[in-house]
Amino acid sequence: MTPIRIGQIVPSSNITMETEIPALLRARELVAPERFTFHSSRMRMKHVTKDELAKMDADSDRCALELSDARVDVMGYACLVAIMSMGLGYHRRSQERLGQVTRDNDAEAPVVTSAGALIEGLQAMGAKKIAVVAPYMKPLTEMVVNYIRNEGFEVVDYRALEIQDNLAVAAHDPMNLPAIVAGMNTAEADVIVLSACVQMPSLPAVTTVEAQTGKPVLTAAVATTWQMLNALNLPTRVPGGGALLSGAY
């Protein structure tokens, strides 16, 4: 079987998306026949500020072109806040533009974004009310919350961890997340978004928080993996990936 090539467009300082998505797909390899290889192209970004995010996003076309040279089978834009900082609904415009880059290069590949994947994952789960944890400074977190609200969800509570340096975001201990969620108002939430950021590690805490709260838990990395599998027309069962990757959606 020819391995499926997974392409990722990542911020230069992101070190989590290239660990959590491969970890999820390696776990899937334990229960399914497909095999995967992983390929990345980087956009320069060190600090999670609106100005740096806008400059970084402008570089995403180059990354899509480079990955299409490798004839990847799917590519994911791995920065949720960069997309959401560019205006309401921007994930749709980004996906179409980057998809056109691959078509123009005679190497068409489906493009997903972590922002769009989070929205569509919540929709697939039938969520109406959610709680959100994000590592960003409060103004950027509020922008993310407003983006999600604009897509039709009620955010019943959220936490901004106010970490600006992107490597510091990656260094945040995921096992701090259960205590953070315990201090939030999640009683009315249909789904808990444990990490609205592909750089903040969360995968080790997903099943813990699901057991702790009795609620389905979603993360940006989980949603992106789910959306990639859908784009590849593959079953979406991944052990340890929480409710969205149970195979039910």
Protein backbone atom coordinates (compact mmCIF):
# COMPACT_ATOMS: atom_id res chain seq x y z
CA MET A 1 0.00 0.00 0.00
CA THR A 2 1.32 3.44 -0.94
CA PRO A 3 1.47 5.65 2.17
CA ILE A 4 -0.91 8.59 2.30
CA ARG A 5 0.98 11.89 2.35
CA ILE A 6 -0.20 14.35 4.99
CA GLY A 7 0.89 17.95 4.35
CA GLN A 8 0.87 20.61 7.05
CA ILE A 9 1.25 24.37 6.75
CA VAL A 10 2.65 25.35 10.14
CA PRO A 11 3.95 28.45 11.92
CA SER A 12 7.74 28.36 12.15
CA SER A 13 7.58 28.16 15.96
CA ASN A 14 4.90 25.45 16.07
CA ILE A 15 6.19 22.15 17.41
CA THR A 16 2.92 20.55 18.53
CA MET A 17 0.96 19.99 15.33
CA GLU A 18 3.79 17.82 13.99
CA THR A 19 3.56 15.66 17.10
CA GLU A 20 -0.17 15.43 17.88
CA ILE A 21 -1.51 14.78 14.37
CA PRO A 22 1.11 12.09 13.66
CA ALA A 23 0.40 10.59 17.10
CA LEU A 24 -3.30 10.37 16.27
CA LEU A 25 -2.73 8.88 12.84
CA ARG A 26 -0.15 6.41 14.20
CA ALA A 27 -2.82 5.32 16.71
CA ARG A 28 -5.21 4.87 13.80
CA GLU A 29 -2.65 2.63 12.08
CA LEU A 30 -3.11 0.19 14.97
CA VAL A 31 -6.76 -0.38 14.00
CA ALA A 32 -6.81 0.33 10.23
CA PRO A 33 -4.70 -0.68 7.21
CA GLU A 34 -3.71 2.78 5.90
CA ARG A 35 -0.24 4.16 6.51
CA PHE A 36 0.80 7.83 6.55
CA THR A 37 3.84 10.00 5.97
CA PHE A 38 4.09 13.61 7.16
CA HIS A 39 5.40 16.67 5.32
CA SER A 40 5.50 20.31 6.43
CA SER A 41 6.14 23.80 5.12
CA ARG A 42 6.63 26.69 7.53
CA MET A 43 5.43 30.30 7.82
CA ARG A 44 7.49 32.65 10.01
CA MET A 45 5.88 33.50 13.38
CA LYS A 46 7.31 33.75 16.91
CA HIS A 47 4.74 35.72 18.93
CA VAL A 48 0.99 35.27 18.83
CA THR A 49 0.02 38.86 17.98
CA LYS A 50 -2.45 40.08 15.37
CA ASP A 51 0.29 41.76 13.29
CA GLU A 52 2.54 38.69 13.22
CA LEU A 53 -0.41 36.45 12.42
CA ALA A 54 -1.43 38.60 9.44
CA LYS A 55 2.13 38.59 8.05
CA MET A 56 2.30 34.86 8.55
CA ASP A 57 -0.99 34.16 6.79
CA ALA A 58 0.25 36.01 3.71
CA ASP A 59 2.94 33.32 3.43
CA SER A 60 0.49 30.41 3.38
CA ASP A 61 0.19 30.42 -0.43
CA ARG A 62 3.92 29.69 -0.74
CA CYS A 63 3.58 26.80 1.71
CA ALA A 64 0.64 25.32 -0.20
CA LEU A 65 2.64 25.55 -3.42
CA GLU A 66 5.65 23.80 -1.86
CA LEU A 67 3.53 21.00 -0.41
CA SER A 68 1.74 20.51 -3.71
CA ASP A 69 5.17 19.99 -5.31
CA ALA A 70 5.41 16.93 -3.04
CA ARG A 71 2.00 15.74 -4.29
CA VAL A 72 0.54 15.45 -0.81
CA ASP A 73 -2.88 13.82 -0.59
CA VAL A 74 -4.32 16.39 1.82
CA MET A 75 -2.97 19.50 3.48
CA GLY A 76 -3.93 21.21 6.71
CA TYR A 77 -3.39 24.84 7.65
CA ALA A 78 -2.25 24.38 11.22
CA CYS A 79 -2.90 27.69 12.94
CA LEU A 80 -6.42 28.32 14.20
CA VAL A 81 -5.93 31.85 15.51
CA ALA A 82 -4.21 33.05 12.33
CA ILE A 83 -7.32 32.18 10.35
CA MET A 84 -9.74 33.58 12.92
CA SER A 85 -7.77 36.84 13.21
CA MET A 86 -8.31 37.55 9.50
CA GLY A 87 -12.04 38.16 9.77
CA LEU A 88 -15.28 36.28 10.35
CA GLY A 89 -15.71 33.25 8.11
CA TYR A 90 -12.17 33.55 6.75
CA HIS A 91 -11.52 29.81 6.91
CA ARG A 92 -13.73 29.34 3.84
CA ARG A 93 -11.83 31.92 1.80
CA SER A 94 -8.48 30.53 2.92
CA GLN A 95 -9.38 26.96 1.98
CA GLU A 96 -10.61 28.02 -1.46
CA ARG A 97 -7.54 30.17 -2.17
CA LEU A 98 -5.03 27.55 -1.06
CA GLY A 99 -6.93 24.87 -2.95
CA GLN A 100 -6.64 27.00 -6.07
CA VAL A 101 -2.87 27.15 -5.53
CA THR A 102 -2.72 23.35 -5.71
CA ARG A 103 -4.93 23.26 -8.81
CA ASP A 104 -2.79 25.87 -10.56
CA ASN A 105 0.23 23.66 -9.84
CA ASP A 106 -1.49 20.63 -11.44
CA ALA A 107 -1.37 18.90 -8.06
CA GLU A 108 -4.88 19.35 -6.68
CA ALA A 109 -5.26 18.37 -3.04
CA PRO A 110 -8.03 19.03 -0.52
CA VAL A 111 -7.15 21.77 1.97
CA VAL A 112 -8.49 21.90 5.51
CA THR A 113 -7.84 24.50 8.18
CA SER A 114 -7.77 23.90 11.92
CA ALA A 115 -10.25 26.78 12.31
CA GLY A 116 -12.71 25.32 9.82
CA ALA A 117 -12.21 21.83 11.20
CA LEU A 118 -13.10 22.99 14.71
CA ILE A 119 -16.31 24.64 13.47
CA GLU A 120 -17.33 21.68 11.32
CA GLY A 121 -16.44 19.20 14.04
CA LEU A 122 -18.71 21.00 16.49
CA GLN A 123 -21.48 21.05 13.89
CA ALA A 124 -21.07 17.32 13.24
CA MET A 125 -21.39 16.63 16.97
CA GLY A 126 -24.60 18.65 17.13
CA ALA A 127 -23.14 21.08 19.66
CA LYS A 128 -25.09 24.22 20.50
CA LYS A 129 -23.34 25.37 23.67
CA ILE A 130 -19.62 25.02 24.26
CA ALA A 131 -16.87 25.91 26.73
CA VAL A 132 -13.45 26.93 25.37
CA VAL A 133 -9.87 26.91 26.68
CA ALA A 134 -7.31 28.96 24.70
CA PRO A 135 -3.70 29.94 25.43
CA TYR A 136 -3.90 33.39 23.82
CA MET A 137 -3.91 36.83 25.37
CA LYS A 138 -7.43 37.89 26.32
CA PRO A 139 -8.11 40.14 23.27
CA LEU A 140 -7.16 37.36 20.84
CA THR A 141 -9.15 34.82 22.87
CA GLU A 142 -12.20 37.07 22.72
CA MET A 143 -11.72 37.36 18.95
CA VAL A 144 -11.68 33.54 18.69
CA VAL A 145 -14.79 33.31 20.87
CA ASN A 146 -16.58 35.87 18.66
CA TYR A 147 -15.57 33.95 15.53
CA ILE A 148 -17.06 30.76 16.99
CA ARG A 149 -20.21 32.60 18.08
CA ASN A 150 -20.60 33.98 14.57
CA GLU A 151 -20.76 30.39 13.33
CA GLY A 152 -23.86 29.82 15.46
CA PHE A 153 -22.57 28.48 18.78
CA GLU A 154 -23.16 29.80 22.30
CA VAL A 155 -19.93 29.99 24.30
CA VAL A 156 -21.06 29.49 27.89
CA ASP A 157 -17.59 30.01 29.40
CA TYR A 158 -13.99 30.41 28.27
CA ARG A 159 -10.49 30.72 29.69
CA ALA A 160 -7.64 32.76 28.23
CA LEU A 161 -4.30 31.51 29.57
CA GLU A 162 -2.57 34.68 28.27
CA ILE A 163 0.60 33.12 26.89
CA GLN A 164 2.04 35.28 24.09
CA ASP A 165 5.28 33.52 23.18
CA ASN A 166 4.47 30.60 20.88
CA LEU A 167 7.15 28.28 22.26
CA ALA A 168 5.81 28.94 25.76
CA VAL A 169 2.39 27.84 24.50
CA ALA A 170 3.95 24.54 23.39
CA ALA A 171 5.60 24.14 26.79
CA HIS A 172 2.29 24.35 28.67
CA ASP A 173 1.70 21.08 30.52
CA PRO A 174 -1.43 19.43 29.06
CA MET A 175 -2.14 17.81 32.41
CA ASN A 176 -2.85 21.28 33.81
CA LEU A 177 -5.97 21.33 31.64
CA PRO A 178 -8.21 19.11 33.82
CA ALA A 179 -7.85 21.54 36.75
CA ILE A 180 -8.47 24.53 34.46
CA VAL A 181 -11.67 22.93 33.16
CA ALA A 182 -12.72 22.05 36.72
CA GLY A 183 -12.75 25.77 37.50
CA MET A 184 -15.02 26.60 34.57
CA ASN A 185 -18.79 26.65 34.21
CA THR A 186 -19.35 23.65 31.93
CA ALA A 187 -22.70 22.40 33.26
CA GLU A 188 -24.65 23.62 30.20
CA ALA A 189 -21.94 22.92 27.62
CA ASP A 190 -22.62 20.24 25.02
CA VAL A 191 -18.91 20.02 24.13
CA ILE A 192 -15.71 21.24 25.80
CA VAL A 193 -13.07 22.65 23.46
CA LEU A 194 -10.02 21.70 25.50
CA SER A 195 -7.56 23.51 23.25
CA ALA A 196 -8.66 26.11 20.70
CA CYS A 197 -5.07 26.15 19.48
CA VAL A 198 -2.97 23.64 17.58
CA GLN A 199 0.19 24.67 19.45
CA MET A 200 -1.11 24.09 22.99
CA PRO A 201 -0.66 20.38 23.80
CA SER A 202 -3.85 18.69 24.93
CA LEU A 203 -3.99 15.15 23.55
CA PRO A 204 -2.89 13.42 26.80
CA ALA A 205 -5.75 15.13 28.67
CA VAL A 206 -8.65 14.45 26.29
CA THR A 207 -9.90 11.19 27.82
CA THR A 208 -9.20 12.48 31.35
CA VAL A 209 -11.41 15.54 30.88
CA GLU A 210 -14.12 13.48 29.18
CA ALA A 211 -14.19 11.18 32.23
CA GLN A 212 -13.98 14.12 34.64
CA THR A 213 -16.86 16.09 33.11
CA GLY A 214 -18.99 13.46 31.41
CA LYS A 215 -18.89 15.72 28.33
CA PRO A 216 -17.46 15.17 24.85
CA VAL A 217 -14.09 16.89 24.47
CA LEU A 218 -12.71 18.37 21.27
CA THR A 219 -9.37 19.98 20.44
CA ALA A 220 -8.08 21.80 17.37
CA ALA A 221 -5.68 18.93 16.60
CA VAL A 222 -8.40 16.30 16.98
CA ALA A 223 -10.74 18.29 14.73
CA THR A 224 -8.04 18.77 12.10
CA THR A 225 -7.27 15.04 12.06
CA TRP A 226 -11.00 14.26 11.71
CA GLN A 227 -11.36 16.73 8.85
CA MET A 228 -8.29 15.31 7.07
CA LEU A 229 -9.70 11.79 7.30
CA ASN A 230 -13.03 13.00 5.93
CA ALA A 231 -11.25 14.75 3.05
CA LEU A 232 -9.49 11.47 2.28
CA ASN A 233 -12.80 9.53 2.47
CA LEU A 234 -11.42 7.38 5.28
CA PRO A 235 -13.17 6.13 8.43
CA THR A 236 -12.72 8.48 11.38
CA ARG A 237 -12.04 6.03 14.20
CA VAL A 238 -8.87 6.89 16.12
CA PRO A 239 -8.18 5.40 19.57
CA GLY A 240 -7.64 8.09 22.21
CA GLY A 241 -9.01 10.86 20.02
CA GLY A 242 -12.14 11.53 22.05
CA ALA A 243 -15.74 11.61 20.88
CA LEU A 244 -15.20 13.18 17.46
CA LEU A 245 -12.72 10.43 16.50
CA SER A 246 -14.84 7.59 17.86
CA GLY A 247 -15.88 6.73 14.31
CA ALA A 248 -19.43 7.98 14.87
CA TYR A 249 -18.94 11.21 12.91
